[in-house]
Amino acid sequence: MEIRADREDTGFSSQSSTYRTDSDSLPYLQCVPYARDVSGIQIYGDALTWWNQAEGRYARGHRPKPGAVMSFAPHGRMELGHVAAVSRVIDSRTVLLRHANWSPIDGRRGQIEDNVRAVDVSEANDWSEVRVWYAPIGNLGTTAWPVNGFIYPEKPGRNERLAVLASASRPKAAERPRSLVGADFLKGIRPEVTVKPASVRRELAYRYEAPKAAASKPVAARPAWAATSLADDPIGRIIAAKTR
């Protein structure tokens, strides 16, 4: 593969096995075993699988911490992603990384680089895009690499575990059954059976509601038990109000 010093060669960090032999190079160290060794995070497989593999096993987040692994998403010719350990946090936009198989050094791939700069170039300062030190040009590379986030060498917190369980048990929106019954499904429907009011409702109506109606229109004579004045029975007023 041709090595160009004016830009990053994205093919250098795409494999996960420890060594690979090319016709034009010697076996070389890959990013995954080196990141696993220096961070202690025991995840195996291609770098692009680390972020999902860490779910429920290791804490994850979007802020760098020393010892965490920065998980790069596949991008361009870096088809299998990349992983790098954070050795130091300089400020809110700058960290130092320890990683392997990023820059070709002396024309060789698979080289280890310790304490090289990575700078967050995302607009929101959420570490979703970074530029990384590239040895052939002696400066940060020009590519803004997409980052999944950071995997921390500790168990996930309670909130993250609950979120994982909830997401696993809750069906996706597209899979949820859709109800065909709307909020107005009883609108316009008349009951088939006329229900007579209970005796207590009739009694309360005689006792407390009939006096109000008497002012506007004559009503039938009330039975003797309805002679109690509304003012004399506050409990009855409350019950009448509740049962209207």
C-alpha atoms as a PDB file:
ATOM      1  CA  MET A   1       0.000   0.000   0.000  1.00  0.00           C
ATOM      2  CA  GLU A   2       1.292   3.424  -0.868  1.00  0.00           C
ATOM      3  CA  ILE A   3       2.053   5.670   2.102  1.00  0.00           C
ATOM      4  CA  ARG A   4       1.214   9.297   1.533  1.00  0.00           C
ATOM      5  CA  ALA A   5       2.602  11.879   3.932  1.00  0.00           C
ATOM      6  CA  ASP A   6       0.039  14.542   3.076  1.00  0.00           C
ATOM      7  CA  ARG A   7      -2.932  12.755   4.584  1.00  0.00           C
ATOM      8  CA  GLU A   8      -3.890   9.913   6.909  1.00  0.00           C
ATOM      9  CA  ASP A   9      -3.851   6.414   5.509  1.00  0.00           C
ATOM     10  CA  THR A  10      -7.094   5.044   6.930  1.00  0.00           C
ATOM     11  CA  GLY A  11      -6.237   1.437   6.186  1.00  0.00           C
ATOM     12  CA  PHE A  12      -3.798   1.224   9.083  1.00  0.00           C
ATOM     13  CA  SER A  13      -6.275   0.708  11.926  1.00  0.00           C
ATOM     14  CA  SER A  14      -8.973  -1.499  10.526  1.00  0.00           C
ATOM     15  CA  GLN A  15      -8.095  -5.015  11.727  1.00  0.00           C
ATOM     16  CA  SER A  16      -8.609  -6.788  15.059  1.00  0.00           C
ATOM     17  CA  SER A  17      -6.334  -9.856  15.015  1.00  0.00           C
ATOM     18  CA  THR A  18      -2.927  -9.497  16.602  1.00  0.00           C
ATOM     19  CA  TYR A  19      -0.871  -9.929  13.480  1.00  0.00           C
ATOM     20  CA  ARG A  20      -1.379 -10.021   9.733  1.00  0.00           C
ATOM     21  CA  THR A  21       1.110 -10.657   6.941  1.00  0.00           C
ATOM     22  CA  ASP A  22       1.000  -8.639   3.710  1.00  0.00           C
ATOM     23  CA  SER A  23       3.121  -9.328   0.671  1.00  0.00           C
ATOM     24  CA  ASP A  24       4.848  -5.987   1.126  1.00  0.00           C
ATOM     25  CA  SER A  25       5.255  -5.862   4.908  1.00  0.00           C
ATOM     26  CA  LEU A  26       6.129  -7.812   8.034  1.00  0.00           C
ATOM     27  CA  PRO A  27       3.504  -8.928  10.574  1.00  0.00           C
ATOM     28  CA  TYR A  28       2.270  -5.964  12.583  1.00  0.00           C
ATOM     29  CA  LEU A  29       0.454  -5.190  15.816  1.00  0.00           C
ATOM     30  CA  GLN A  30      -3.212  -4.241  15.613  1.00  0.00           C
ATOM     31  CA  CYS A  31      -5.199  -1.700  17.653  1.00  0.00           C
ATOM     32  CA  VAL A  32      -7.498  -4.138  19.500  1.00  0.00           C
ATOM     33  CA  PRO A  33      -4.995  -6.280  21.455  1.00  0.00           C
ATOM     34  CA  TYR A  34      -2.996  -3.206  22.398  1.00  0.00           C
ATOM     35  CA  ALA A  35      -6.067  -1.317  23.665  1.00  0.00           C
ATOM     36  CA  ARG A  36      -7.165  -4.395  25.597  1.00  0.00           C
ATOM     37  CA  ASP A  37      -3.726  -4.770  27.161  1.00  0.00           C
ATOM     38  CA  VAL A  38      -3.303  -1.169  28.317  1.00  0.00           C
ATOM     39  CA  SER A  39      -6.907  -0.604  29.454  1.00  0.00           C
ATOM     40  CA  GLY A  40      -7.735  -3.982  30.980  1.00  0.00           C
ATOM     41  CA  ILE A  41     -11.094  -3.997  29.189  1.00  0.00           C
ATOM     42  CA  GLN A  42     -11.631  -7.593  28.159  1.00  0.00           C
ATOM     43  CA  ILE A  43     -13.466  -7.275  24.866  1.00  0.00           C
ATOM     44  CA  TYR A  44     -12.478  -9.287  21.817  1.00  0.00           C
ATOM     45  CA  GLY A  45     -13.319  -8.993  18.139  1.00  0.00           C
ATOM     46  CA  ASP A  46     -13.166  -6.236  15.569  1.00  0.00           C
ATOM     47  CA  ALA A  47     -12.894  -2.691  16.886  1.00  0.00           C
ATOM     48  CA  LEU A  48     -16.257  -1.754  15.382  1.00  0.00           C
ATOM     49  CA  THR A  49     -17.980  -4.271  17.699  1.00  0.00           C
ATOM     50  CA  TRP A  50     -16.546  -2.938  20.961  1.00  0.00           C
ATOM     51  CA  TRP A  51     -19.161  -0.272  21.613  1.00  0.00           C
ATOM     52  CA  ASN A  52     -22.100  -2.681  21.398  1.00  0.00           C
ATOM     53  CA  GLN A  53     -20.242  -5.478  23.177  1.00  0.00           C
ATOM     54  CA  ALA A  54     -19.602  -3.165  26.126  1.00  0.00           C
ATOM     55  CA  GLU A  55     -23.330  -2.581  26.667  1.00  0.00           C
ATOM     56  CA  GLY A  56     -24.324  -4.022  30.040  1.00  0.00           C
ATOM     57  CA  ARG A  57     -20.761  -5.173  30.773  1.00  0.00           C
ATOM     58  CA  TYR A  58     -18.809  -1.927  31.062  1.00  0.00           C
ATOM     59  CA  ALA A  59     -19.814   1.647  31.791  1.00  0.00           C
ATOM     60  CA  ARG A  60     -20.035   3.861  28.716  1.00  0.00           C
ATOM     61  CA  GLY A  61     -20.264   7.589  28.197  1.00  0.00           C
ATOM     62  CA  HIS A  62     -19.297  10.578  26.114  1.00  0.00           C
ATOM     63  CA  ARG A  63     -16.666  12.203  28.324  1.00  0.00           C
ATOM     64  CA  PRO A  64     -13.011  11.125  28.288  1.00  0.00           C
ATOM     65  CA  LYS A  65     -11.377   9.692  31.405  1.00  0.00           C
ATOM     66  CA  PRO A  66      -7.873   8.270  31.869  1.00  0.00           C
ATOM     67  CA  GLY A  67      -7.980   4.527  31.271  1.00  0.00           C
ATOM     68  CA  ALA A  68     -11.102   4.676  29.109  1.00  0.00           C
ATOM     69  CA  VAL A  69     -11.143   3.379  25.556  1.00  0.00           C
ATOM     70  CA  MET A  70     -12.205   5.728  22.780  1.00  0.00           C
ATOM     71  CA  SER A  71     -14.353   3.749  20.357  1.00  0.00           C
ATOM     72  CA  PHE A  72     -14.109   4.955  16.745  1.00  0.00           C
ATOM     73  CA  ALA A  73     -16.943   4.183  14.332  1.00  0.00           C
ATOM     74  CA  PRO A  74     -16.107   2.850  10.859  1.00  0.00           C
ATOM     75  CA  HIS A  75     -15.454   5.674   8.431  1.00  0.00           C
ATOM     76  CA  GLY A  76     -14.121   5.733   4.888  1.00  0.00           C
ATOM     77  CA  ARG A  77     -11.388   3.155   4.390  1.00  0.00           C
ATOM     78  CA  MET A  78     -11.321   2.443   8.143  1.00  0.00           C
ATOM     79  CA  GLU A  79     -13.999  -0.185   7.669  1.00  0.00           C
ATOM     80  CA  LEU A  80     -13.527  -2.072  10.946  1.00  0.00           C
ATOM     81  CA  GLY A  81     -13.264   0.905  13.281  1.00  0.00           C
ATOM     82  CA  HIS A  82     -10.504   1.644  15.766  1.00  0.00           C
ATOM     83  CA  VAL A  83      -9.963   1.637  19.547  1.00  0.00           C
ATOM     84  CA  ALA A  84      -7.493   3.740  21.546  1.00  0.00           C
ATOM     85  CA  ALA A  85      -6.876   4.117  25.282  1.00  0.00           C
ATOM     86  CA  VAL A  86      -7.007   7.553  26.918  1.00  0.00           C
ATOM     87  CA  SER A  87      -3.845   8.185  28.918  1.00  0.00           C
ATOM     88  CA  ARG A  88      -4.515  11.775  29.981  1.00  0.00           C
ATOM     89  CA  VAL A  89      -7.174  14.475  29.737  1.00  0.00           C
ATOM     90  CA  ILE A  90      -5.601  17.846  28.922  1.00  0.00           C
ATOM     91  CA  ASP A  91      -8.739  19.994  28.715  1.00  0.00           C
ATOM     92  CA  SER A  92     -12.354  19.804  27.550  1.00  0.00           C
ATOM     93  CA  ARG A  93     -11.212  19.442  23.940  1.00  0.00           C
ATOM     94  CA  THR A  94      -7.874  17.615  24.157  1.00  0.00           C
ATOM     95  CA  VAL A  95      -6.739  14.183  25.328  1.00  0.00           C
ATOM     96  CA  LEU A  96      -3.638  12.053  24.939  1.00  0.00           C
ATOM     97  CA  LEU A  97      -4.054   8.579  23.468  1.00  0.00           C
ATOM     98  CA  ARG A  98      -2.147   5.292  23.574  1.00  0.00           C
ATOM     99  CA  HIS A  99      -2.877   3.203  20.511  1.00  0.00           C
ATOM    100  CA  ALA A 100      -1.388   0.930  17.884  1.00  0.00           C
ATOM    101  CA  ASN A 101      -1.572   0.700  14.105  1.00  0.00           C
ATOM    102  CA  TRP A 102      -2.594   4.282  13.395  1.00  0.00           C
ATOM    103  CA  SER A 103       0.416   6.139  11.983  1.00  0.00           C
ATOM    104  CA  PRO A 104       3.018   4.456   9.794  1.00  0.00           C
ATOM    105  CA  ILE A 105       6.421   5.151  11.352  1.00  0.00           C
ATOM    106  CA  ASP A 106       9.610   4.674   9.344  1.00  0.00           C
ATOM    107  CA  GLY A 107       7.393   3.312   6.593  1.00  0.00           C
ATOM    108  CA  ARG A 108       6.000   0.516   8.765  1.00  0.00           C
ATOM    109  CA  ARG A 109       2.498  -0.150   9.985  1.00  0.00           C
ATOM    110  CA  GLY A 110       1.455  -1.511  13.369  1.00  0.00           C
ATOM    111  CA  GLN A 111       3.523   0.950  15.368  1.00  0.00           C
ATOM    112  CA  ILE A 112       2.669   1.857  18.971  1.00  0.00           C
ATOM    113  CA  GLU A 113       2.135   5.547  19.756  1.00  0.00           C
ATOM    114  CA  ASP A 114       1.933   6.660  23.392  1.00  0.00           C
ATOM    115  CA  ASN A 115       0.610  10.021  24.577  1.00  0.00           C
ATOM    116  CA  VAL A 116      -0.327  11.441  21.189  1.00  0.00           C
ATOM    117  CA  ARG A 117      -2.965  14.149  20.842  1.00  0.00           C
ATOM    118  CA  ALA A 118      -6.598  13.750  19.872  1.00  0.00           C
ATOM    119  CA  VAL A 119      -8.778  16.850  19.683  1.00  0.00           C
ATOM    120  CA  ASP A 120     -12.561  17.022  19.834  1.00  0.00           C
ATOM    121  CA  VAL A 121     -13.757  18.956  16.789  1.00  0.00           C
ATOM    122  CA  SER A 122     -17.499  18.417  17.234  1.00  0.00           C
ATOM    123  CA  GLU A 123     -19.679  21.527  17.329  1.00  0.00           C
ATOM    124  CA  ALA A 124     -21.352  20.496  20.601  1.00  0.00           C
ATOM    125  CA  ASN A 125     -18.085  19.477  22.322  1.00  0.00           C
ATOM    126  CA  ASP A 126     -19.592  16.006  22.828  1.00  0.00           C
ATOM    127  CA  TRP A 127     -16.573  14.063  21.499  1.00  0.00           C
ATOM    128  CA  SER A 128     -18.539  12.702  18.556  1.00  0.00           C
ATOM    129  CA  GLU A 129     -15.779  13.737  16.115  1.00  0.00           C
ATOM    130  CA  VAL A 130     -12.020  13.926  16.675  1.00  0.00           C
ATOM    131  CA  ARG A 131      -8.817  14.693  14.817  1.00  0.00           C
ATOM    132  CA  VAL A 132      -5.844  12.514  15.777  1.00  0.00           C
ATOM    133  CA  TRP A 133      -2.083  13.040  15.686  1.00  0.00           C
ATOM    134  CA  TYR A 134      -0.612  11.612  12.482  1.00  0.00           C
ATOM    135  CA  ALA A 135       3.125  11.001  12.573  1.00  0.00           C
ATOM    136  CA  PRO A 136       3.997  11.373   8.848  1.00  0.00           C
ATOM    137  CA  ILE A 137       2.900  15.032   8.867  1.00  0.00           C
ATOM    138  CA  GLY A 138       3.982  15.751  12.448  1.00  0.00           C
ATOM    139  CA  ASN A 139       0.590  17.229  13.311  1.00  0.00           C
ATOM    140  CA  LEU A 140      -3.078  16.449  13.726  1.00  0.00           C
ATOM    141  CA  GLY A 141      -4.562  14.657  10.746  1.00  0.00           C
ATOM    142  CA  THR A 142      -7.100  16.492   8.647  1.00  0.00           C
ATOM    143  CA  THR A 143      -9.907  13.922   8.940  1.00  0.00           C
ATOM    144  CA  ALA A 144     -12.671  14.347  11.528  1.00  0.00           C
ATOM    145  CA  TRP A 145     -13.177  10.761  12.704  1.00  0.00           C
ATOM    146  CA  PRO A 146     -16.603   9.753  14.096  1.00  0.00           C
ATOM    147  CA  VAL A 147     -16.527   8.434  17.668  1.00  0.00           C
ATOM    148  CA  ASN A 148     -19.161   6.244  19.353  1.00  0.00           C
ATOM    149  CA  GLY A 149     -18.054   7.286  22.823  1.00  0.00           C
ATOM    150  CA  PHE A 150     -15.859   6.052  25.677  1.00  0.00           C
ATOM    151  CA  ILE A 151     -15.835   2.624  27.323  1.00  0.00           C
ATOM    152  CA  TYR A 152     -14.751   2.780  30.978  1.00  0.00           C
ATOM    153  CA  PRO A 153     -12.979  -0.084  32.819  1.00  0.00           C
ATOM    154  CA  GLU A 154     -15.776  -0.431  35.373  1.00  0.00           C
ATOM    155  CA  LYS A 155     -19.216  -1.957  35.650  1.00  0.00           C
ATOM    156  CA  PRO A 156     -22.155   0.038  34.298  1.00  0.00           C
ATOM    157  CA  GLY A 157     -24.060   2.166  36.787  1.00  0.00           C
ATOM    158  CA  ARG A 158     -27.576   1.284  37.947  1.00  0.00           C
ATOM    159  CA  ASN A 159     -29.227   3.778  35.594  1.00  0.00           C
ATOM    160  CA  GLU A 160     -27.367   2.379  32.592  1.00  0.00           C
ATOM    161  CA  ARG A 161     -28.255  -1.227  33.557  1.00  0.00           C
ATOM    162  CA  LEU A 162     -31.923  -0.299  33.871  1.00  0.00           C
ATOM    163  CA  ALA A 163     -31.813   1.450  30.508  1.00  0.00           C
ATOM    164  CA  VAL A 164     -30.319  -1.683  28.917  1.00  0.00           C
ATOM    165  CA  LEU A 165     -32.992  -3.921  30.477  1.00  0.00           C
ATOM    166  CA  ALA A 166     -35.771  -1.549  29.460  1.00  0.00           C
ATOM    167  CA  SER A 167     -34.558  -1.295  25.885  1.00  0.00           C
ATOM    168  CA  ALA A 168     -34.282  -5.091  25.657  1.00  0.00           C
ATOM    169  CA  SER A 169     -37.816  -5.754  26.976  1.00  0.00           C
ATOM    170  CA  ARG A 170     -39.684  -2.854  25.378  1.00  0.00           C
ATOM    171  CA  PRO A 171     -40.804  -3.453  21.773  1.00  0.00           C
ATOM    172  CA  LYS A 172     -39.759  -0.880  19.219  1.00  0.00           C
ATOM    173  CA  ALA A 173     -42.349   1.663  18.143  1.00  0.00           C
ATOM    174  CA  ALA A 174     -42.788  -0.024  14.774  1.00  0.00           C
ATOM    175  CA  GLU A 175     -43.450  -3.383  16.490  1.00  0.00           C
ATOM    176  CA  ARG A 176     -46.039  -2.200  19.010  1.00  0.00           C
ATOM    177  CA  PRO A 177     -49.669  -3.122  18.241  1.00  0.00           C
ATOM    178  CA  ARG A 178     -51.687  -0.108  17.209  1.00  0.00           C
ATOM    179  CA  SER A 179     -55.082   0.401  18.822  1.00  0.00           C
ATOM    180  CA  LEU A 180     -57.974   0.933  16.435  1.00  0.00           C
ATOM    181  CA  VAL A 181     -60.186   2.385  19.197  1.00  0.00           C
ATOM    182  CA  GLY A 182     -60.120   6.163  19.319  1.00  0.00           C
ATOM    183  CA  ALA A 183     -60.937   8.453  22.242  1.00  0.00           C
ATOM    184  CA  ASP A 184     -64.426   9.139  20.822  1.00  0.00           C
ATOM    185  CA  PHE A 185     -65.382   5.531  20.111  1.00  0.00           C
ATOM    186  CA  LEU A 186     -68.624   5.811  22.207  1.00  0.00           C
ATOM    187  CA  LYS A 187     -69.686   9.096  20.645  1.00  0.00           C
ATOM    188  CA  GLY A 188     -73.265   8.909  19.336  1.00  0.00           C
ATOM    189  CA  ILE A 189     -74.009   5.497  20.845  1.00  0.00           C
ATOM    190  CA  ARG A 190     -77.190   5.368  22.960  1.00  0.00           C
ATOM    191  CA  PRO A 191     -77.652   2.806  25.752  1.00  0.00           C
ATOM    192  CA  GLU A 192     -80.028  -0.049  24.919  1.00  0.00           C
ATOM    193  CA  VAL A 193     -81.446  -0.249  28.484  1.00  0.00           C
ATOM    194  CA  THR A 194     -82.769   2.700  30.485  1.00  0.00           C
ATOM    195  CA  VAL A 195     -81.329   2.537  34.005  1.00  0.00           C
ATOM    196  CA  LYS A 196     -83.541   3.848  36.801  1.00  0.00           C
ATOM    197  CA  PRO A 197     -81.807   5.953  39.449  1.00  0.00           C
ATOM    198  CA  ALA A 198     -81.110   4.197  42.734  1.00  0.00           C
ATOM    199  CA  SER A 199     -83.446   4.875  45.677  1.00  0.00           C
ATOM    200  CA  VAL A 200     -80.844   6.906  47.509  1.00  0.00           C
ATOM    201  CA  ARG A 201     -80.545   9.226  44.512  1.00  0.00           C
ATOM    202  CA  ARG A 202     -84.353   9.656  44.403  1.00  0.00           C
ATOM    203  CA  GLU A 203     -84.443  10.425  48.124  1.00  0.00           C
ATOM    204  CA  LEU A 204     -81.654  12.988  47.899  1.00  0.00           C
ATOM    205  CA  ALA A 205     -83.273  14.582  44.878  1.00  0.00           C
ATOM    206  CA  TYR A 206     -86.534  15.010  46.767  1.00  0.00           C
ATOM    207  CA  ARG A 207     -84.806  16.365  49.833  1.00  0.00           C
ATOM    208  CA  TYR A 208     -82.265  18.771  48.374  1.00  0.00           C
ATOM    209  CA  GLU A 209     -82.851  19.391  44.693  1.00  0.00           C
ATOM    210  CA  ALA A 210     -86.622  19.818  44.664  1.00  0.00           C
ATOM    211  CA  PRO A 211     -86.524  23.019  46.797  1.00  0.00           C
ATOM    212  CA  LYS A 212     -84.248  24.625  44.176  1.00  0.00           C
ATOM    213  CA  ALA A 213     -86.596  23.727  41.354  1.00  0.00           C
ATOM    214  CA  ALA A 214     -89.656  25.016  43.249  1.00  0.00           C
ATOM    215  CA  ALA A 215     -88.644  28.592  42.565  1.00  0.00           C
ATOM    216  CA  SER A 216     -88.983  28.111  38.802  1.00  0.00           C
ATOM    217  CA  LYS A 217     -91.830  25.628  38.437  1.00  0.00           C
ATOM    218  CA  PRO A 218     -94.298  23.778  40.682  1.00  0.00           C
ATOM    219  CA  VAL A 219     -93.315  20.275  41.775  1.00  0.00           C
ATOM    220  CA  ALA A 220     -95.320  17.396  43.190  1.00  0.00           C
ATOM    221  CA  ALA A 221     -95.861  17.227  46.925  1.00  0.00           C
ATOM    222  CA  ARG A 222     -92.899  15.736  48.735  1.00  0.00           C
ATOM    223  CA  PRO A 223     -93.261  12.773  51.058  1.00  0.00           C
ATOM    224  CA  ALA A 224     -93.000  13.288  54.816  1.00  0.00           C
ATOM    225  CA  TRP A 225     -89.413  12.044  55.022  1.00  0.00           C
ATOM    226  CA  ALA A 226     -88.331  14.849  52.709  1.00  0.00           C
ATOM    227  CA  ALA A 227     -89.391  17.635  55.077  1.00  0.00           C
ATOM    228  CA  THR A 228     -85.903  18.116  56.538  1.00  0.00           C
ATOM    229  CA  SER A 229     -84.450  21.517  55.672  1.00  0.00           C
ATOM    230  CA  LEU A 230     -81.254  21.643  53.603  1.00  0.00           C
ATOM    231  CA  ALA A 231     -79.769  24.102  56.066  1.00  0.00           C
ATOM    232  CA  ASP A 232     -80.328  21.616  58.895  1.00  0.00           C
ATOM    233  CA  ASP A 233     -78.519  18.724  57.231  1.00  0.00           C
ATOM    234  CA  PRO A 234     -74.979  19.625  55.982  1.00  0.00           C
ATOM    235  CA  ILE A 235     -74.014  15.940  55.642  1.00  0.00           C
ATOM    236  CA  GLY A 236     -76.923  15.436  53.281  1.00  0.00           C
ATOM    237  CA  ARG A 237     -75.733  18.392  51.178  1.00  0.00           C
ATOM    238  CA  ILE A 238     -72.324  16.790  50.756  1.00  0.00           C
ATOM    239  CA  ILE A 239     -73.792  13.409  49.808  1.00  0.00           C
ATOM    240  CA  ALA A 240     -76.154  15.051  47.342  1.00  0.00           C
ATOM    241  CA  ALA A 241     -73.305  16.884  45.672  1.00  0.00           C
ATOM    242  CA  LYS A 242     -71.273  13.668  45.360  1.00  0.00           C
ATOM    243  CA  THR A 243     -74.095  11.621  43.857  1.00  0.00           C
ATOM    244  CA  ARG A 244     -75.388  14.042  41.216  1.00  0.00           C
END
